[in-house]
Amino acid sequence: MKKAEVGNIIEFRDGLQGVVEKVNENSVIVDLTYMDNYRDLELEQRTVVNHKNYKVIKESIL
């Protein structure tokens, strides 16, 4: 499993996607406003996802 880096787009829990803002030892903090339907889903702006529970779908271009 590849750990995400800041700026990567990840997918987790039933297709939710977000941009990694911070990488911690066991998890990442993800900005969910990346998704087009973010407002429709009525989610918090950020969430924490364990490294075991996501996959990197797009590498950061930074």
C-alpha atoms as a PDB file:
ATOM      1  CA  MET A   1       0.000   0.000   0.000  1.00  0.00           C
ATOM      2  CA  LYS A   2       1.300   3.426  -0.973  1.00  0.00           C
ATOM      3  CA  LYS A   3       0.944   6.213   1.579  1.00  0.00           C
ATOM      4  CA  ALA A   4      -0.553   9.420   0.297  1.00  0.00           C
ATOM      5  CA  GLU A   5       1.360  12.680   0.191  1.00  0.00           C
ATOM      6  CA  VAL A   6       0.103  16.248   0.581  1.00  0.00           C
ATOM      7  CA  GLY A   7      -1.780  17.240  -2.574  1.00  0.00           C
ATOM      8  CA  ASN A   8      -2.707  13.678  -3.630  1.00  0.00           C
ATOM      9  CA  ILE A   9      -6.312  12.857  -4.469  1.00  0.00           C
ATOM     10  CA  ILE A  10      -7.529   9.810  -2.549  1.00  0.00           C
ATOM     11  CA  GLU A  11     -10.661   7.693  -2.640  1.00  0.00           C
ATOM     12  CA  PHE A  12     -12.183   6.107   0.446  1.00  0.00           C
ATOM     13  CA  ARG A  13     -15.439   4.875   1.982  1.00  0.00           C
ATOM     14  CA  ASP A  14     -17.924   4.202  -0.833  1.00  0.00           C
ATOM     15  CA  GLY A  15     -16.324   6.445  -3.446  1.00  0.00           C
ATOM     16  CA  LEU A  16     -15.751   9.647  -1.491  1.00  0.00           C
ATOM     17  CA  GLN A  17     -12.762  11.614  -2.768  1.00  0.00           C
ATOM     18  CA  GLY A  18     -10.646  14.389  -1.364  1.00  0.00           C
ATOM     19  CA  VAL A  19      -7.326  16.207  -1.391  1.00  0.00           C
ATOM     20  CA  VAL A  20      -4.763  15.262   1.262  1.00  0.00           C
ATOM     21  CA  GLU A  21      -3.921  18.314   3.370  1.00  0.00           C
ATOM     22  CA  LYS A  22      -1.754  16.702   6.049  1.00  0.00           C
ATOM     23  CA  VAL A  23      -0.098  13.326   6.527  1.00  0.00           C
ATOM     24  CA  ASN A  24       0.090  11.956  10.074  1.00  0.00           C
ATOM     25  CA  GLU A  25       1.718   8.762  11.315  1.00  0.00           C
ATOM     26  CA  ASN A  26      -1.433   6.639  11.035  1.00  0.00           C
ATOM     27  CA  SER A  27      -3.802   8.801   8.998  1.00  0.00           C
ATOM     28  CA  VAL A  28      -4.313  11.692   6.611  1.00  0.00           C
ATOM     29  CA  ILE A  29      -6.471  14.802   6.877  1.00  0.00           C
ATOM     30  CA  VAL A  30      -8.551  15.200   3.727  1.00  0.00           C
ATOM     31  CA  ASP A  31     -10.359  18.218   2.240  1.00  0.00           C
ATOM     32  CA  LEU A  32     -13.656  16.937   0.815  1.00  0.00           C
ATOM     33  CA  THR A  33     -14.572  20.138  -1.059  1.00  0.00           C
ATOM     34  CA  TYR A  34     -12.702  18.652  -4.058  1.00  0.00           C
ATOM     35  CA  MET A  35     -15.846  16.673  -4.974  1.00  0.00           C
ATOM     36  CA  ASP A  36     -18.355  18.367  -7.285  1.00  0.00           C
ATOM     37  CA  ASN A  37     -21.284  17.122  -5.186  1.00  0.00           C
ATOM     38  CA  TYR A  38     -19.731  18.087  -1.833  1.00  0.00           C
ATOM     39  CA  ARG A  39     -22.593  20.449  -0.861  1.00  0.00           C
ATOM     40  CA  ASP A  40     -25.276  17.889  -1.798  1.00  0.00           C
ATOM     41  CA  LEU A  41     -23.736  15.272   0.520  1.00  0.00           C
ATOM     42  CA  GLU A  42     -23.893  17.583   3.564  1.00  0.00           C
ATOM     43  CA  LEU A  43     -20.494  16.480   4.864  1.00  0.00           C
ATOM     44  CA  GLU A  44     -17.967  18.292   7.012  1.00  0.00           C
ATOM     45  CA  GLN A  45     -15.274  20.104   5.017  1.00  0.00           C
ATOM     46  CA  ARG A  46     -12.457  17.894   6.340  1.00  0.00           C
ATOM     47  CA  THR A  47     -12.147  14.364   7.653  1.00  0.00           C
ATOM     48  CA  VAL A  48      -9.485  11.986   8.943  1.00  0.00           C
ATOM     49  CA  VAL A  49      -8.829   8.722   7.099  1.00  0.00           C
ATOM     50  CA  ASN A  50      -6.582   5.888   8.282  1.00  0.00           C
ATOM     51  CA  HIS A  51      -3.818   4.835   5.866  1.00  0.00           C
ATOM     52  CA  LYS A  52      -5.446   1.385   5.575  1.00  0.00           C
ATOM     53  CA  ASN A  53      -8.747   2.837   4.356  1.00  0.00           C
ATOM     54  CA  TYR A  54      -7.936   4.739   1.157  1.00  0.00           C
ATOM     55  CA  LYS A  55      -6.259   4.427  -2.199  1.00  0.00           C
ATOM     56  CA  VAL A  56      -4.356   7.130  -4.058  1.00  0.00           C
ATOM     57  CA  ILE A  57      -6.119   7.877  -7.333  1.00  0.00           C
ATOM     58  CA  LYS A  58      -4.075  10.896  -8.480  1.00  0.00           C
ATOM     59  CA  GLU A  59      -0.560  11.946  -7.552  1.00  0.00           C
ATOM     60  CA  SER A  60       0.228  15.504  -6.553  1.00  0.00           C
ATOM     61  CA  ILE A  61       1.730  17.648  -9.299  1.00  0.00           C
ATOM     62  CA  LEU A  62       3.705  19.746  -6.812  1.00  0.00           C
END
